[in-house]
Amino acid sequence: MEFKDRLTLLFSQLGLTPQEFCDKLSIQRSSLSHLLAGRNKPGFDFLDSFARAFPQISLRWLIAGIGDMIIQTHDYNEIKEETGAVKEYSGKDQIDNGNKKIVKVLLLYSDGSFSEYGTEK
């Protein structure tokens, strides 16, 4: 499936017309028309606007057809890969681990360094 086909499928799944999609991304209808016709590939501004307007949609899926269309909220690795950010804890979206509570988070970086957050009890 090509990018333009995934974009068309996305309209259908979200129940949006192309004009509504353009309004959400604040892009010109002609820009979308070029993408749907396959004349242009999406640029950074389009992808940035898309990610901000539809954070639940996987950019990996949209761009390359890899993975699922919808990002699962518990899939923190994919969210980190796509946004470059770590999910912030809001208090509402807890992971059910029974009676266990997170007391320490360890981040390992590709250069071998690490950061440690929290306290051991």
Protein backbone atom coordinates (compact mmCIF):
# COMPACT_ATOMS: atom_id res chain seq x y z
CA MET A 1 0.00 0.00 0.00
CA GLU A 2 1.41 3.40 -0.98
CA PHE A 3 1.41 6.58 1.11
CA LYS A 4 -1.54 8.03 -0.83
CA ASP A 5 -3.55 4.84 -0.16
CA ARG A 6 -2.80 4.99 3.57
CA LEU A 7 -3.86 8.63 3.60
CA THR A 8 -7.16 7.76 1.88
CA LEU A 9 -7.72 4.92 4.36
CA LEU A 10 -7.03 7.34 7.19
CA PHE A 11 -9.80 9.70 6.02
CA SER A 12 -12.21 6.80 6.03
CA GLN A 13 -11.17 5.54 9.47
CA LEU A 14 -11.33 9.02 11.03
CA GLY A 15 -14.55 9.95 9.26
CA LEU A 16 -13.03 13.10 7.78
CA THR A 17 -13.42 14.71 4.39
CA PRO A 18 -10.23 15.88 2.70
CA GLN A 19 -11.22 19.49 3.45
CA GLU A 20 -11.73 18.73 7.16
CA PHE A 21 -8.34 17.01 7.19
CA CYS A 22 -6.72 20.09 5.62
CA ASP A 23 -8.40 22.33 8.18
CA LYS A 24 -7.08 20.22 11.07
CA LEU A 25 -3.53 20.39 9.69
CA SER A 26 -3.81 24.01 8.51
CA ILE A 27 -2.62 23.09 5.03
CA GLN A 28 -3.82 24.09 1.58
CA ARG A 29 -6.20 21.73 -0.25
CA SER A 30 -3.82 21.81 -3.23
CA SER A 31 -1.01 20.40 -1.06
CA LEU A 32 -3.20 17.46 -0.09
CA SER A 33 -4.27 17.00 -3.69
CA HIS A 34 -0.62 16.66 -4.76
CA LEU A 35 -0.01 14.06 -2.03
CA LEU A 36 -3.11 12.07 -2.99
CA ALA A 37 -2.14 12.12 -6.66
CA GLY A 38 1.33 10.85 -5.80
CA ARG A 39 3.03 13.92 -7.32
CA ASN A 40 4.59 14.98 -4.01
CA LYS A 41 5.89 13.21 -0.95
CA PRO A 42 5.08 14.59 2.51
CA GLY A 43 7.55 17.14 3.83
CA PHE A 44 8.59 17.89 7.38
CA ASP A 45 5.95 20.62 7.87
CA PHE A 46 3.17 18.25 6.80
CA LEU A 47 4.42 15.45 9.07
CA ASP A 48 4.91 17.82 12.00
CA SER A 49 1.37 19.20 11.62
CA PHE A 50 0.02 15.67 11.22
CA ALA A 51 1.75 14.41 14.39
CA ARG A 52 0.39 17.33 16.39
CA ALA A 53 -3.17 16.98 15.04
CA PHE A 54 -3.31 13.17 15.25
CA PRO A 55 -0.96 11.96 18.01
CA GLN A 56 -2.80 8.64 18.13
CA ILE A 57 -1.81 7.80 14.52
CA SER A 58 1.58 6.17 13.95
CA LEU A 59 3.90 8.15 11.67
CA ARG A 60 5.76 4.90 10.90
CA TRP A 61 2.51 3.48 9.58
CA LEU A 62 1.63 6.62 7.61
CA ILE A 63 5.05 7.07 6.01
CA ALA A 64 6.22 3.49 5.48
CA GLY A 65 3.26 1.22 6.22
CA ILE A 66 5.08 -0.33 9.18
CA GLY A 67 3.09 -1.47 12.20
CA ASP A 68 -0.44 -0.52 13.16
CA MET A 69 -2.28 2.67 12.25
CA ILE A 70 -3.21 3.45 15.86
CA ILE A 71 -0.55 3.84 18.54
CA GLN A 72 -1.41 1.82 21.62
CA THR A 73 -1.08 4.03 24.70
CA HIS A 74 1.00 1.40 26.49
CA ASP A 75 3.52 1.11 23.65
CA TYR A 76 5.98 3.67 25.06
CA ASN A 77 8.89 2.51 22.88
CA GLU A 78 7.02 3.30 19.66
CA ILE A 79 5.83 6.66 21.03
CA LYS A 80 9.42 7.52 21.99
CA GLU A 81 10.72 6.50 18.56
CA GLU A 82 8.13 8.56 16.73
CA THR A 83 8.09 11.69 18.84
CA GLY A 84 11.55 11.67 20.38
CA ALA A 85 9.89 12.33 23.71
CA VAL A 86 9.19 10.30 26.79
CA LYS A 87 5.56 9.98 27.86
CA GLU A 88 4.84 12.18 30.85
CA TYR A 89 3.04 10.67 33.78
CA SER A 90 -0.31 12.40 34.32
CA GLY A 91 -1.65 10.28 37.17
CA LYS A 92 -4.61 9.15 35.05
CA ASP A 93 -2.93 6.61 32.81
CA GLN A 94 -1.52 4.09 35.25
CA ILE A 95 -0.39 0.66 34.19
CA ASP A 96 -2.02 -2.05 36.28
CA ASN A 97 0.76 -4.02 37.94
CA GLY A 98 -1.32 -5.29 40.83
CA ASN A 99 -0.07 -3.72 44.05
CA LYS A 100 3.39 -2.94 42.67
CA LYS A 101 4.48 0.68 42.39
CA ILE A 102 7.30 2.07 40.28
CA VAL A 103 10.09 3.37 42.50
CA LYS A 104 12.91 3.81 40.01
CA VAL A 105 13.28 4.40 36.26
CA LEU A 106 16.57 3.74 34.51
CA LEU A 107 17.19 5.23 31.04
CA LEU A 108 19.97 3.62 29.01
CA TYR A 109 21.45 5.65 26.16
CA SER A 110 23.13 4.38 22.98
CA ASP A 111 26.51 5.80 24.07
CA GLY A 112 26.53 3.56 27.16
CA SER A 113 25.57 6.28 29.63
CA PHE A 114 22.43 6.23 31.75
CA SER A 115 20.11 8.37 33.89
CA GLU A 116 18.40 7.18 37.03
CA TYR A 117 15.16 8.65 38.39
CA GLY A 118 13.30 7.85 41.59
CA THR A 119 14.32 6.27 44.84
CA GLU A 120 14.69 2.66 45.92
CA LYS A 121 12.73 1.60 48.95
